[in-house]
């Protein structure tokens, strides 16, 4: 007896697939609100650009392939990619950054492999890594949270920065960043890593204004927003618990061991869990039904390995926030994980 393994979204009707994608997008709203509140409305501008771009690229590919356009668009998968990519890039990144990312995610990562259900990698994270490697300056140009900015940038000025690279007074984004206190400009993960390399302890580093008692200003609330959205997805049974629980548990265990071994140079567990893209990665990225593992045992292994790689890359690698890299590495390993964790058939059709 041959046991057939089917992966989501193939086991959903078109209608339920659309509802699934829209539910995931809706669950991103708490994290989106927190990101807009702390980092400005540039987040919404990038989101609007991404929505237009993925819609255009998805439609263009469907026309080239002589396939119906609306069914491909209405499943919502391209729009979810737009949301995840837009939330991953700096709010004031030039407009062409998000356009290139959308082009790569839809045309190369998704459609070149045959469309939804055939892509090997998470489209949004593959595009994010491409952008980070190709345009590191633009992709690391984060400004401090609005509460720490000496001269907050208004919506009109944000539009000018994104589309022209200059404010109305002629300042470029680099000049705007140069005018910000250096202790508030880098992300919390970057700051900790840099300060420890220069001989400071974690406690000394966390005295800087970009930190609160637990993690980075703004970033803690962004992560709590995505945690709330992720719990909603679990409640609605949109995702399985195995990947987020094993991801978070693995990262918590590794960071706890690191903190116990070197409390002066290693941030604690709470800091790791509430920094960077941890919660978005655990609930919205690693759980991608196409590129993630498809068996329960495999999901536990997959999530735990992502958590391990996130910790290792953050601690020893050159990229402070390593969620995208860890997810892509484990996307490669999914066929092997599924092969060794899928239920086996034995005599008389018994499954084990």
C-alpha atoms as a PDB file:
ATOM      1  CA  UNK A   1       0.000   0.000   0.000  1.00  0.00           C
ATOM      2  CA  UNK A   2       1.435   3.360  -1.009  1.00  0.00           C
ATOM      3  CA  UNK A   3       0.847   6.232   1.368  1.00  0.00           C
ATOM      4  CA  UNK A   4       0.326   9.513  -0.462  1.00  0.00           C
ATOM      5  CA  UNK A   5       1.539  12.656   1.285  1.00  0.00           C
ATOM      6  CA  UNK A   6      -0.251  15.898   0.419  1.00  0.00           C
ATOM      7  CA  UNK A   7       0.921  19.302   1.510  1.00  0.00           C
ATOM      8  CA  UNK A   8      -1.073  22.423   2.049  1.00  0.00           C
ATOM      9  CA  UNK A   9      -2.457  24.264   0.240  1.00  0.00           C
ATOM     10  CA  UNK A  10      -3.333  21.330  -2.045  1.00  0.00           C
ATOM     11  CA  UNK A  11      -5.771  19.918   0.487  1.00  0.00           C
ATOM     12  CA  UNK A  12      -7.867  23.096   0.549  1.00  0.00           C
ATOM     13  CA  UNK A  13     -10.557  24.215  -1.841  1.00  0.00           C
ATOM     14  CA  UNK A  14      -9.929  27.474  -3.673  1.00  0.00           C
ATOM     15  CA  UNK A  15     -12.456  29.235  -1.471  1.00  0.00           C
ATOM     16  CA  UNK A  16     -10.911  27.981   1.781  1.00  0.00           C
ATOM     17  CA  UNK A  17      -7.416  28.825   0.513  1.00  0.00           C
ATOM     18  CA  UNK A  18      -8.484  32.433  -0.043  1.00  0.00           C
ATOM     19  CA  UNK A  19      -9.999  32.567   3.421  1.00  0.00           C
ATOM     20  CA  UNK A  20      -6.826  31.038   4.856  1.00  0.00           C
ATOM     21  CA  UNK A  21      -4.562  33.662   3.274  1.00  0.00           C
ATOM     22  CA  UNK A  22      -6.833  36.549   4.233  1.00  0.00           C
ATOM     23  CA  UNK A  23      -6.984  35.278   7.817  1.00  0.00           C
ATOM     24  CA  UNK A  24      -3.189  35.251   8.006  1.00  0.00           C
ATOM     25  CA  UNK A  25      -3.071  38.791   6.581  1.00  0.00           C
ATOM     26  CA  UNK A  26      -5.638  39.917   9.160  1.00  0.00           C
ATOM     27  CA  UNK A  27      -3.573  38.339  11.939  1.00  0.00           C
ATOM     28  CA  UNK A  28      -0.648  40.561  10.909  1.00  0.00           C
ATOM     29  CA  UNK A  29      -2.638  43.685  11.836  1.00  0.00           C
ATOM     30  CA  UNK A  30      -1.539  43.933  15.518  1.00  0.00           C
ATOM     31  CA  UNK A  31       2.126  43.738  14.499  1.00  0.00           C
ATOM     32  CA  UNK A  32       1.507  46.171  11.641  1.00  0.00           C
ATOM     33  CA  UNK A  33      -0.148  48.688  13.976  1.00  0.00           C
ATOM     34  CA  UNK A  34       2.776  48.479  16.396  1.00  0.00           C
ATOM     35  CA  UNK A  35       5.277  48.920  13.581  1.00  0.00           C
ATOM     36  CA  UNK A  36       3.452  51.973  12.208  1.00  0.00           C
ATOM     37  CA  UNK A  37       3.136  53.480  15.699  1.00  0.00           C
ATOM     38  CA  UNK A  38       6.821  53.140  16.521  1.00  0.00           C
ATOM     39  CA  UNK A  39       8.451  53.520  13.085  1.00  0.00           C
ATOM     40  CA  UNK A  40       6.101  55.784  11.162  1.00  0.00           C
ATOM     41  CA  UNK A  41       3.690  55.651   8.258  1.00  0.00           C
ATOM     42  CA  UNK A  42       6.483  54.763   5.861  1.00  0.00           C
ATOM     43  CA  UNK A  43       5.494  51.186   6.725  1.00  0.00           C
ATOM     44  CA  UNK A  44       2.087  51.792   5.107  1.00  0.00           C
ATOM     45  CA  UNK A  45       3.683  53.362   2.028  1.00  0.00           C
ATOM     46  CA  UNK A  46       5.899  50.304   1.556  1.00  0.00           C
ATOM     47  CA  UNK A  47       2.875  48.061   2.085  1.00  0.00           C
ATOM     48  CA  UNK A  48       0.866  49.888  -0.596  1.00  0.00           C
ATOM     49  CA  UNK A  49       3.786  49.679  -3.031  1.00  0.00           C
ATOM     50  CA  UNK A  50       4.164  45.972  -2.352  1.00  0.00           C
ATOM     51  CA  UNK A  51       0.453  45.274  -2.907  1.00  0.00           C
ATOM     52  CA  UNK A  52       0.491  47.054  -6.274  1.00  0.00           C
ATOM     53  CA  UNK A  53       3.740  45.379  -7.333  1.00  0.00           C
ATOM     54  CA  UNK A  54       2.807  41.779  -6.488  1.00  0.00           C
ATOM     55  CA  UNK A  55      -0.586  42.202  -8.150  1.00  0.00           C
ATOM     56  CA  UNK A  56       1.019  43.522 -11.324  1.00  0.00           C
ATOM     57  CA  UNK A  57       3.735  40.856 -11.444  1.00  0.00           C
ATOM     58  CA  UNK A  58       1.356  37.984 -10.677  1.00  0.00           C
ATOM     59  CA  UNK A  59      -1.049  39.162 -13.383  1.00  0.00           C
ATOM     60  CA  UNK A  60       1.753  39.636 -15.917  1.00  0.00           C
ATOM     61  CA  UNK A  61       3.097  36.125 -15.361  1.00  0.00           C
ATOM     62  CA  UNK A  62      -0.374  34.620 -15.661  1.00  0.00           C
ATOM     63  CA  UNK A  63      -0.916  36.445 -18.959  1.00  0.00           C
ATOM     64  CA  UNK A  64       2.457  35.258 -20.259  1.00  0.00           C
ATOM     65  CA  UNK A  65       1.603  31.689 -19.257  1.00  0.00           C
ATOM     66  CA  UNK A  66      -1.861  32.095 -20.829  1.00  0.00           C
ATOM     67  CA  UNK A  67      -3.537  31.228 -17.556  1.00  0.00           C
ATOM     68  CA  UNK A  68      -6.576  32.905 -15.912  1.00  0.00           C
ATOM     69  CA  UNK A  69      -5.444  35.948 -13.955  1.00  0.00           C
ATOM     70  CA  UNK A  70      -8.146  36.358 -11.314  1.00  0.00           C
ATOM     71  CA  UNK A  71      -7.961  32.848  -9.781  1.00  0.00           C
ATOM     72  CA  UNK A  72      -4.229  33.324  -9.220  1.00  0.00           C
ATOM     73  CA  UNK A  73      -4.741  36.729  -7.638  1.00  0.00           C
ATOM     74  CA  UNK A  74      -7.816  35.905  -5.593  1.00  0.00           C
ATOM     75  CA  UNK A  75      -6.155  33.080  -3.656  1.00  0.00           C
ATOM     76  CA  UNK A  76      -4.407  35.839  -1.671  1.00  0.00           C
ATOM     77  CA  UNK A  77      -0.962  34.226  -1.585  1.00  0.00           C
ATOM     78  CA  UNK A  78       0.703  37.081  -3.494  1.00  0.00           C
ATOM     79  CA  UNK A  79      -0.867  39.642  -1.151  1.00  0.00           C
ATOM     80  CA  UNK A  80       0.417  37.755   1.889  1.00  0.00           C
ATOM     81  CA  UNK A  81       3.894  37.814   0.343  1.00  0.00           C
ATOM     82  CA  UNK A  82       3.522  41.581  -0.076  1.00  0.00           C
ATOM     83  CA  UNK A  83       2.615  42.019   3.601  1.00  0.00           C
ATOM     84  CA  UNK A  84       5.503  39.920   4.926  1.00  0.00           C
ATOM     85  CA  UNK A  85       8.051  41.563   2.638  1.00  0.00           C
ATOM     86  CA  UNK A  86       6.858  45.116   3.321  1.00  0.00           C
ATOM     87  CA  UNK A  87       7.011  44.539   7.079  1.00  0.00           C
ATOM     88  CA  UNK A  88      10.560  43.203   6.793  1.00  0.00           C
ATOM     89  CA  UNK A  89      12.223  46.168   5.080  1.00  0.00           C
ATOM     90  CA  UNK A  90      13.053  49.583   6.580  1.00  0.00           C
ATOM     91  CA  UNK A  91      10.112  52.006   6.314  1.00  0.00           C
ATOM     92  CA  UNK A  92      12.171  54.614   4.414  1.00  0.00           C
ATOM     93  CA  UNK A  93      13.892  52.259   1.984  1.00  0.00           C
ATOM     94  CA  UNK A  94      13.796  53.613  -1.619  1.00  0.00           C
ATOM     95  CA  UNK A  95      10.696  52.632  -3.574  1.00  0.00           C
ATOM     96  CA  UNK A  96      12.653  50.425  -5.967  1.00  0.00           C
ATOM     97  CA  UNK A  97      13.779  48.161  -3.113  1.00  0.00           C
ATOM     98  CA  UNK A  98      10.294  46.793  -2.511  1.00  0.00           C
ATOM     99  CA  UNK A  99       9.618  46.607  -6.279  1.00  0.00           C
ATOM    100  CA  UNK A 100      12.725  44.459  -6.864  1.00  0.00           C
ATOM    101  CA  UNK A 101      11.792  42.299  -3.883  1.00  0.00           C
ATOM    102  CA  UNK A 102       8.265  41.744  -5.191  1.00  0.00           C
ATOM    103  CA  UNK A 103       9.559  40.950  -8.681  1.00  0.00           C
ATOM    104  CA  UNK A 104      11.971  38.344  -7.351  1.00  0.00           C
ATOM    105  CA  UNK A 105       9.505  36.776  -4.914  1.00  0.00           C
ATOM    106  CA  UNK A 106       6.646  36.417  -7.400  1.00  0.00           C
ATOM    107  CA  UNK A 107       8.348  35.828 -10.736  1.00  0.00           C
ATOM    108  CA  UNK A 108      11.463  33.877  -9.712  1.00  0.00           C
ATOM    109  CA  UNK A 109      10.746  32.173  -6.392  1.00  0.00           C
ATOM    110  CA  UNK A 110       7.051  31.423  -6.926  1.00  0.00           C
ATOM    111  CA  UNK A 111       6.048  31.353 -10.592  1.00  0.00           C
ATOM    112  CA  UNK A 112       9.284  30.079 -12.133  1.00  0.00           C
ATOM    113  CA  UNK A 113       8.780  26.875 -10.153  1.00  0.00           C
ATOM    114  CA  UNK A 114       5.181  26.520 -11.326  1.00  0.00           C
ATOM    115  CA  UNK A 115       3.187  28.759  -8.997  1.00  0.00           C
ATOM    116  CA  UNK A 116       1.662  28.286  -5.566  1.00  0.00           C
ATOM    117  CA  UNK A 117       2.354  24.853  -4.124  1.00  0.00           C
ATOM    118  CA  UNK A 118       5.535  24.251  -6.131  1.00  0.00           C
ATOM    119  CA  UNK A 119       7.922  26.850  -4.706  1.00  0.00           C
ATOM    120  CA  UNK A 120      10.789  25.424  -2.683  1.00  0.00           C
ATOM    121  CA  UNK A 121      11.417  28.560  -0.619  1.00  0.00           C
ATOM    122  CA  UNK A 122       9.329  31.087   1.228  1.00  0.00           C
ATOM    123  CA  UNK A 123       8.967  33.836  -1.436  1.00  0.00           C
ATOM    124  CA  UNK A 124       9.024  36.809   0.947  1.00  0.00           C
ATOM    125  CA  UNK A 125      12.107  35.614   2.832  1.00  0.00           C
ATOM    126  CA  UNK A 126      13.981  34.666  -0.326  1.00  0.00           C
ATOM    127  CA  UNK A 127      13.364  38.187  -1.608  1.00  0.00           C
ATOM    128  CA  UNK A 128      14.406  39.694   1.727  1.00  0.00           C
ATOM    129  CA  UNK A 129      17.734  37.839   1.688  1.00  0.00           C
ATOM    130  CA  UNK A 130      18.353  38.844  -1.939  1.00  0.00           C
ATOM    131  CA  UNK A 131      17.736  42.501  -1.048  1.00  0.00           C
ATOM    132  CA  UNK A 132      19.884  42.353   2.088  1.00  0.00           C
ATOM    133  CA  UNK A 133      22.831  40.814   0.258  1.00  0.00           C
ATOM    134  CA  UNK A 134      22.476  43.073  -2.794  1.00  0.00           C
ATOM    135  CA  UNK A 135      21.629  46.373  -1.083  1.00  0.00           C
ATOM    136  CA  UNK A 136      22.948  46.164   2.502  1.00  0.00           C
ATOM    137  CA  UNK A 137      23.055  49.943   3.022  1.00  0.00           C
ATOM    138  CA  UNK A 138      19.418  50.516   2.060  1.00  0.00           C
ATOM    139  CA  UNK A 139      18.234  47.380   3.871  1.00  0.00           C
ATOM    140  CA  UNK A 140      19.839  48.381   7.172  1.00  0.00           C
ATOM    141  CA  UNK A 141      18.766  52.041   7.082  1.00  0.00           C
ATOM    142  CA  UNK A 142      16.433  51.866  10.079  1.00  0.00           C
ATOM    143  CA  UNK A 143      15.696  55.094  11.935  1.00  0.00           C
ATOM    144  CA  UNK A 144      15.009  55.053  15.697  1.00  0.00           C
ATOM    145  CA  UNK A 145      11.511  54.747  17.040  1.00  0.00           C
ATOM    146  CA  UNK A 146       9.565  57.981  16.694  1.00  0.00           C
ATOM    147  CA  UNK A 147       9.736  58.698  20.437  1.00  0.00           C
ATOM    148  CA  UNK A 148      13.543  58.897  20.228  1.00  0.00           C
ATOM    149  CA  UNK A 149      13.768  60.944  17.041  1.00  0.00           C
ATOM    150  CA  UNK A 150      14.732  64.551  17.700  1.00  0.00           C
ATOM    151  CA  UNK A 151      12.838  65.702  14.593  1.00  0.00           C
ATOM    152  CA  UNK A 152      10.093  63.204  13.652  1.00  0.00           C
ATOM    153  CA  UNK A 153       9.478  62.997   9.902  1.00  0.00           C
ATOM    154  CA  UNK A 154       5.947  63.769   8.715  1.00  0.00           C
ATOM    155  CA  UNK A 155       3.989  61.746   6.188  1.00  0.00           C
ATOM    156  CA  UNK A 156       4.731  64.077   3.258  1.00  0.00           C
ATOM    157  CA  UNK A 157       8.447  64.034   4.033  1.00  0.00           C
ATOM    158  CA  UNK A 158       8.339  60.241   4.266  1.00  0.00           C
ATOM    159  CA  UNK A 159       6.821  60.087   0.797  1.00  0.00           C
ATOM    160  CA  UNK A 160       9.573  62.354  -0.507  1.00  0.00           C
ATOM    161  CA  UNK A 161      12.288  60.233   1.092  1.00  0.00           C
ATOM    162  CA  UNK A 162      10.926  56.992  -0.336  1.00  0.00           C
ATOM    163  CA  UNK A 163      10.321  58.257  -3.876  1.00  0.00           C
ATOM    164  CA  UNK A 164      13.075  60.885  -4.311  1.00  0.00           C
ATOM    165  CA  UNK A 165      15.656  60.015  -1.609  1.00  0.00           C
ATOM    166  CA  UNK A 166      15.454  63.611  -0.353  1.00  0.00           C
ATOM    167  CA  UNK A 167      13.316  65.666   2.011  1.00  0.00           C
ATOM    168  CA  UNK A 168      11.789  68.986   0.984  1.00  0.00           C
ATOM    169  CA  UNK A 169      14.786  70.745   2.542  1.00  0.00           C
ATOM    170  CA  UNK A 170      17.239  68.741   0.441  1.00  0.00           C
ATOM    171  CA  UNK A 171      18.411  66.267   3.090  1.00  0.00           C
ATOM    172  CA  UNK A 172      19.049  62.697   1.975  1.00  0.00           C
ATOM    173  CA  UNK A 173      18.164  59.716   4.141  1.00  0.00           C
ATOM    174  CA  UNK A 174      21.854  59.304   4.996  1.00  0.00           C
ATOM    175  CA  UNK A 175      21.961  62.919   6.188  1.00  0.00           C
ATOM    176  CA  UNK A 176      18.780  62.429   8.200  1.00  0.00           C
ATOM    177  CA  UNK A 177      20.311  59.355   9.822  1.00  0.00           C
ATOM    178  CA  UNK A 178      23.598  61.188  10.431  1.00  0.00           C
ATOM    179  CA  UNK A 179      21.685  63.803  12.391  1.00  0.00           C
ATOM    180  CA  UNK A 180      20.318  61.164  14.753  1.00  0.00           C
ATOM    181  CA  UNK A 181      22.168  60.244  17.917  1.00  0.00           C
ATOM    182  CA  UNK A 182      24.289  57.221  17.033  1.00  0.00           C
ATOM    183  CA  UNK A 183      23.130  55.386  20.130  1.00  0.00           C
ATOM    184  CA  UNK A 184      19.560  55.370  18.829  1.00  0.00           C
ATOM    185  CA  UNK A 185      20.152  54.658  15.147  1.00  0.00           C
ATOM    186  CA  UNK A 186      21.116  50.974  15.057  1.00  0.00           C
ATOM    187  CA  UNK A 187      18.642  48.181  15.765  1.00  0.00           C
ATOM    188  CA  UNK A 188      18.813  46.628  19.258  1.00  0.00           C
ATOM    189  CA  UNK A 189      20.361  43.404  17.961  1.00  0.00           C
ATOM    190  CA  UNK A 190      23.014  45.382  16.089  1.00  0.00           C
ATOM    191  CA  UNK A 191      23.731  47.539  19.110  1.00  0.00           C
ATOM    192  CA  UNK A 192      24.230  44.624  21.494  1.00  0.00           C
ATOM    193  CA  UNK A 193      26.502  42.822  19.043  1.00  0.00           C
ATOM    194  CA  UNK A 194      28.621  45.916  18.356  1.00  0.00           C
ATOM    195  CA  UNK A 195      28.904  46.977  22.003  1.00  0.00           C
ATOM    196  CA  UNK A 196      29.955  43.516  23.181  1.00  0.00           C
ATOM    197  CA  UNK A 197      32.611  43.430  20.445  1.00  0.00           C
ATOM    198  CA  UNK A 198      33.925  46.731  21.858  1.00  0.00           C
ATOM    199  CA  UNK A 199      34.191  45.387  25.396  1.00  0.00           C
ATOM    200  CA  UNK A 200      30.906  46.497  26.936  1.00  0.00           C
ATOM    201  CA  UNK A 201      28.674  44.130  28.867  1.00  0.00           C
ATOM    202  CA  UNK A 202      25.084  43.501  27.828  1.00  0.00           C
ATOM    203  CA  UNK A 203      23.852  45.376  30.907  1.00  0.00           C
ATOM    204  CA  UNK A 204      25.954  48.416  29.997  1.00  0.00           C
ATOM    205  CA  UNK A 205      24.762  48.304  26.404  1.00  0.00           C
ATOM    206  CA  UNK A 206      21.133  48.119  27.477  1.00  0.00           C
ATOM    207  CA  UNK A 207      21.446  51.423  29.309  1.00  0.00           C
ATOM    208  CA  UNK A 208      21.171  53.149  25.939  1.00  0.00           C
ATOM    209  CA  UNK A 209      17.860  54.837  25.121  1.00  0.00           C
ATOM    210  CA  UNK A 210      16.867  52.367  22.394  1.00  0.00           C
ATOM    211  CA  UNK A 211      16.296  49.720  25.096  1.00  0.00           C
ATOM    212  CA  UNK A 212      13.668  49.294  27.748  1.00  0.00           C
ATOM    213  CA  UNK A 213      13.875  46.850  30.648  1.00  0.00           C
ATOM    214  CA  UNK A 214      13.301  43.788  28.461  1.00  0.00           C
ATOM    215  CA  UNK A 215      14.284  44.460  24.849  1.00  0.00           C
ATOM    216  CA  UNK A 216      14.448  47.200  22.225  1.00  0.00           C
ATOM    217  CA  UNK A 217      12.111  50.185  22.285  1.00  0.00           C
ATOM    218  CA  UNK A 218       9.350  49.537  19.771  1.00  0.00           C
ATOM    219  CA  UNK A 219      10.639  46.119  18.730  1.00  0.00           C
ATOM    220  CA  UNK A 220       9.290  44.512  21.882  1.00  0.00           C
ATOM    221  CA  UNK A 221       5.777  45.733  21.074  1.00  0.00           C
ATOM    222  CA  UNK A 222       6.087  44.736  17.423  1.00  0.00           C
ATOM    223  CA  UNK A 223       6.945  41.203  18.535  1.00  0.00           C
ATOM    224  CA  UNK A 224       4.095  41.153  21.046  1.00  0.00           C
ATOM    225  CA  UNK A 225       1.761  42.266  18.247  1.00  0.00           C
ATOM    226  CA  UNK A 226       2.815  39.348  16.059  1.00  0.00           C
ATOM    227  CA  UNK A 227       2.554  37.028  19.061  1.00  0.00           C
ATOM    228  CA  UNK A 228      -1.062  38.111  19.511  1.00  0.00           C
ATOM    229  CA  UNK A 229      -1.738  37.537  15.814  1.00  0.00           C
ATOM    230  CA  UNK A 230      -0.024  34.152  15.964  1.00  0.00           C
ATOM    231  CA  UNK A 231      -2.135  33.028  18.909  1.00  0.00           C
ATOM    232  CA  UNK A 232      -5.209  34.017  16.913  1.00  0.00           C
ATOM    233  CA  UNK A 233      -4.026  31.803  14.039  1.00  0.00           C
ATOM    234  CA  UNK A 234      -3.607  28.918  16.463  1.00  0.00           C
ATOM    235  CA  UNK A 235      -7.067  29.519  17.915  1.00  0.00           C
ATOM    236  CA  UNK A 236      -8.594  29.493  14.428  1.00  0.00           C
ATOM    237  CA  UNK A 237      -6.551  26.372  13.567  1.00  0.00           C
ATOM    238  CA  UNK A 238      -5.045  28.127  10.562  1.00  0.00           C
ATOM    239  CA  UNK A 239      -1.589  26.875  11.566  1.00  0.00           C
ATOM    240  CA  UNK A 240      -0.396  23.924  13.635  1.00  0.00           C
ATOM    241  CA  UNK A 241       1.268  24.524  16.995  1.00  0.00           C
ATOM    242  CA  UNK A 242       4.288  22.338  16.289  1.00  0.00           C
ATOM    243  CA  UNK A 243       6.466  24.815  14.357  1.00  0.00           C
ATOM    244  CA  UNK A 244       5.991  27.975  16.454  1.00  0.00           C
ATOM    245  CA  UNK A 245       6.258  26.117  19.761  1.00  0.00           C
ATOM    246  CA  UNK A 246       9.408  24.222  18.760  1.00  0.00           C
ATOM    247  CA  UNK A 247      10.912  27.362  17.171  1.00  0.00           C
ATOM    248  CA  UNK A 248      10.315  29.517  20.264  1.00  0.00           C
ATOM    249  CA  UNK A 249      11.249  26.706  22.654  1.00  0.00           C
ATOM    250  CA  UNK A 250      14.514  25.997  20.835  1.00  0.00           C
ATOM    251  CA  UNK A 251      15.486  29.687  20.699  1.00  0.00           C
ATOM    252  CA  UNK A 252      14.568  30.108  24.383  1.00  0.00           C
ATOM    253  CA  UNK A 253      16.628  27.077  25.403  1.00  0.00           C
ATOM    254  CA  UNK A 254      19.681  28.097  23.368  1.00  0.00           C
ATOM    255  CA  UNK A 255      19.588  31.693  24.602  1.00  0.00           C
ATOM    256  CA  UNK A 256      19.136  30.537  28.224  1.00  0.00           C
ATOM    257  CA  UNK A 257      22.185  28.281  27.947  1.00  0.00           C
ATOM    258  CA  UNK A 258      24.179  31.111  26.372  1.00  0.00           C
ATOM    259  CA  UNK A 259      23.142  33.546  29.100  1.00  0.00           C
ATOM    260  CA  UNK A 260      24.035  31.089  31.884  1.00  0.00           C
ATOM    261  CA  UNK A 261      27.417  30.409  30.270  1.00  0.00           C
ATOM    262  CA  UNK A 262      28.278  34.075  29.625  1.00  0.00           C
ATOM    263  CA  UNK A 263      25.819  36.474  31.327  1.00  0.00           C
ATOM    264  CA  UNK A 264      27.997  39.492  30.627  1.00  0.00           C
ATOM    265  CA  UNK A 265      28.167  39.053  26.865  1.00  0.00           C
ATOM    266  CA  UNK A 266      24.965  37.175  26.042  1.00  0.00           C
ATOM    267  CA  UNK A 267      21.501  38.795  26.217  1.00  0.00           C
ATOM    268  CA  UNK A 268      18.799  36.864  28.025  1.00  0.00           C
ATOM    269  CA  UNK A 269      15.976  34.750  26.685  1.00  0.00           C
ATOM    270  CA  UNK A 270      13.331  37.483  26.796  1.00  0.00           C
ATOM    271  CA  UNK A 271      15.546  39.783  24.748  1.00  0.00           C
ATOM    272  CA  UNK A 272      15.937  37.153  22.020  1.00  0.00           C
ATOM    273  CA  UNK A 273      12.234  36.346  21.941  1.00  0.00           C
ATOM    274  CA  UNK A 274      11.168  40.004  21.697  1.00  0.00           C
ATOM    275  CA  UNK A 275      13.789  41.230  19.223  1.00  0.00           C
ATOM    276  CA  UNK A 276      13.988  41.369  15.455  1.00  0.00           C
ATOM    277  CA  UNK A 277      11.528  39.183  13.566  1.00  0.00           C
ATOM    278  CA  UNK A 278      11.278  36.393  16.141  1.00  0.00           C
ATOM    279  CA  UNK A 279       7.505  36.243  16.543  1.00  0.00           C
ATOM    280  CA  UNK A 280       6.729  37.058  12.934  1.00  0.00           C
ATOM    281  CA  UNK A 281       9.146  34.297  11.971  1.00  0.00           C
ATOM    282  CA  UNK A 282       7.663  31.769  14.385  1.00  0.00           C
ATOM    283  CA  UNK A 283       4.004  32.244  13.469  1.00  0.00           C
ATOM    284  CA  UNK A 284       3.909  33.776   9.983  1.00  0.00           C
ATOM    285  CA  UNK A 285       7.082  32.796   8.109  1.00  0.00           C
ATOM    286  CA  UNK A 286       8.248  29.400   9.327  1.00  0.00           C
ATOM    287  CA  UNK A 287       4.669  28.081   9.133  1.00  0.00           C
ATOM    288  CA  UNK A 288       4.347  28.682   5.384  1.00  0.00           C
ATOM    289  CA  UNK A 289       2.312  25.615   4.308  1.00  0.00           C
ATOM    290  CA  UNK A 290       4.179  25.152   1.031  1.00  0.00           C
ATOM    291  CA  UNK A 291       7.834  25.394   2.046  1.00  0.00           C
ATOM    292  CA  UNK A 292       7.586  24.020   5.622  1.00  0.00           C
ATOM    293  CA  UNK A 293       7.620  20.409   6.764  1.00  0.00           C
ATOM    294  CA  UNK A 294       4.334  18.539   6.377  1.00  0.00           C
ATOM    295  CA  UNK A 295       4.453  15.909   9.140  1.00  0.00           C
ATOM    296  CA  UNK A 296       3.934  16.608  12.842  1.00  0.00           C
ATOM    297  CA  UNK A 297       7.244  15.095  13.866  1.00  0.00           C
ATOM    298  CA  UNK A 298       8.928  16.857  10.963  1.00  0.00           C
ATOM    299  CA  UNK A 299       7.406  20.205  11.992  1.00  0.00           C
ATOM    300  CA  UNK A 300       8.854  19.829  15.480  1.00  0.00           C
ATOM    301  CA  UNK A 301      12.313  19.130  14.055  1.00  0.00           C
ATOM    302  CA  UNK A 302      11.967  21.889  11.453  1.00  0.00           C
ATOM    303  CA  UNK A 303      10.932  24.525  13.997  1.00  0.00           C
ATOM    304  CA  UNK A 304      13.566  23.504  16.533  1.00  0.00           C
ATOM    305  CA  UNK A 305      16.334  23.691  13.943  1.00  0.00           C
ATOM    306  CA  UNK A 306      15.181  27.139  12.828  1.00  0.00           C
ATOM    307  CA  UNK A 307      15.330  28.334  16.440  1.00  0.00           C
ATOM    308  CA  UNK A 308      18.821  26.863  16.803  1.00  0.00           C
ATOM    309  CA  UNK A 309      20.077  28.498  13.593  1.00  0.00           C
ATOM    310  CA  UNK A 310      18.532  31.849  14.529  1.00  0.00           C
ATOM    311  CA  UNK A 311      20.492  31.803  17.786  1.00  0.00           C
ATOM    312  CA  UNK A 312      23.743  30.650  16.167  1.00  0.00           C
ATOM    313  CA  UNK A 313      23.606  33.214  13.360  1.00  0.00           C
ATOM    314  CA  UNK A 314      22.652  36.042  15.726  1.00  0.00           C
ATOM    315  CA  UNK A 315      25.469  35.117  18.106  1.00  0.00           C
ATOM    316  CA  UNK A 316      28.281  34.041  15.810  1.00  0.00           C
ATOM    317  CA  UNK A 317      27.244  35.163  12.319  1.00  0.00           C
ATOM    318  CA  UNK A 318      27.382  38.469  10.534  1.00  0.00           C
ATOM    319  CA  UNK A 319      23.617  39.055  10.438  1.00  0.00           C
ATOM    320  CA  UNK A 320      22.060  40.090  13.766  1.00  0.00           C
ATOM    321  CA  UNK A 321      18.502  39.188  12.777  1.00  0.00           C
ATOM    322  CA  UNK A 322      18.777  35.772  11.216  1.00  0.00           C
ATOM    323  CA  UNK A 323      15.190  34.548  10.880  1.00  0.00           C
ATOM    324  CA  UNK A 324      15.087  34.786   7.074  1.00  0.00           C
ATOM    325  CA  UNK A 325      18.426  32.999   6.678  1.00  0.00           C
ATOM    326  CA  UNK A 326      17.446  30.241   9.103  1.00  0.00           C
ATOM    327  CA  UNK A 327      14.101  29.658   7.391  1.00  0.00           C
ATOM    328  CA  UNK A 328      15.690  29.417   3.933  1.00  0.00           C
ATOM    329  CA  UNK A 329      18.334  26.977   5.189  1.00  0.00           C
ATOM    330  CA  UNK A 330      15.649  24.726   6.624  1.00  0.00           C
ATOM    331  CA  UNK A 331      13.487  25.072   3.480  1.00  0.00           C
ATOM    332  CA  UNK A 332      16.316  23.243   1.717  1.00  0.00           C
ATOM    333  CA  UNK A 333      16.195  20.459   4.314  1.00  0.00           C
ATOM    334  CA  UNK A 334      12.397  19.966   4.213  1.00  0.00           C
ATOM    335  CA  UNK A 335      12.389  17.071   1.683  1.00  0.00           C
ATOM    336  CA  UNK A 336      14.911  15.183   3.825  1.00  0.00           C
ATOM    337  CA  UNK A 337      13.018  15.915   7.057  1.00  0.00           C
ATOM    338  CA  UNK A 338       9.718  14.800   5.527  1.00  0.00           C
ATOM    339  CA  UNK A 339      11.265  11.658   4.079  1.00  0.00           C
ATOM    340  CA  UNK A 340      12.474  10.447   7.464  1.00  0.00           C
ATOM    341  CA  UNK A 341       9.420  11.559   9.469  1.00  0.00           C
ATOM    342  CA  UNK A 342       6.487  10.569   7.262  1.00  0.00           C
ATOM    343  CA  UNK A 343       4.292   7.712   8.506  1.00  0.00           C
ATOM    344  CA  UNK A 344       5.449   4.322   7.238  1.00  0.00           C
ATOM    345  CA  UNK A 345       3.193   1.499   6.065  1.00  0.00           C
ATOM    346  CA  UNK A 346       3.749  -1.994   7.342  1.00  0.00           C
ATOM    347  CA  UNK A 347       2.050  -5.333   6.819  1.00  0.00           C
ATOM    348  CA  UNK A 348      -1.757  -5.380   6.419  1.00  0.00           C
ATOM    349  CA  UNK A 349      -1.770  -1.639   5.698  1.00  0.00           C
ATOM    350  CA  UNK A 350      -0.812  -0.643   9.248  1.00  0.00           C
ATOM    351  CA  UNK A 351       0.600   2.875   9.513  1.00  0.00           C
ATOM    352  CA  UNK A 352       3.283   3.738  12.032  1.00  0.00           C
END
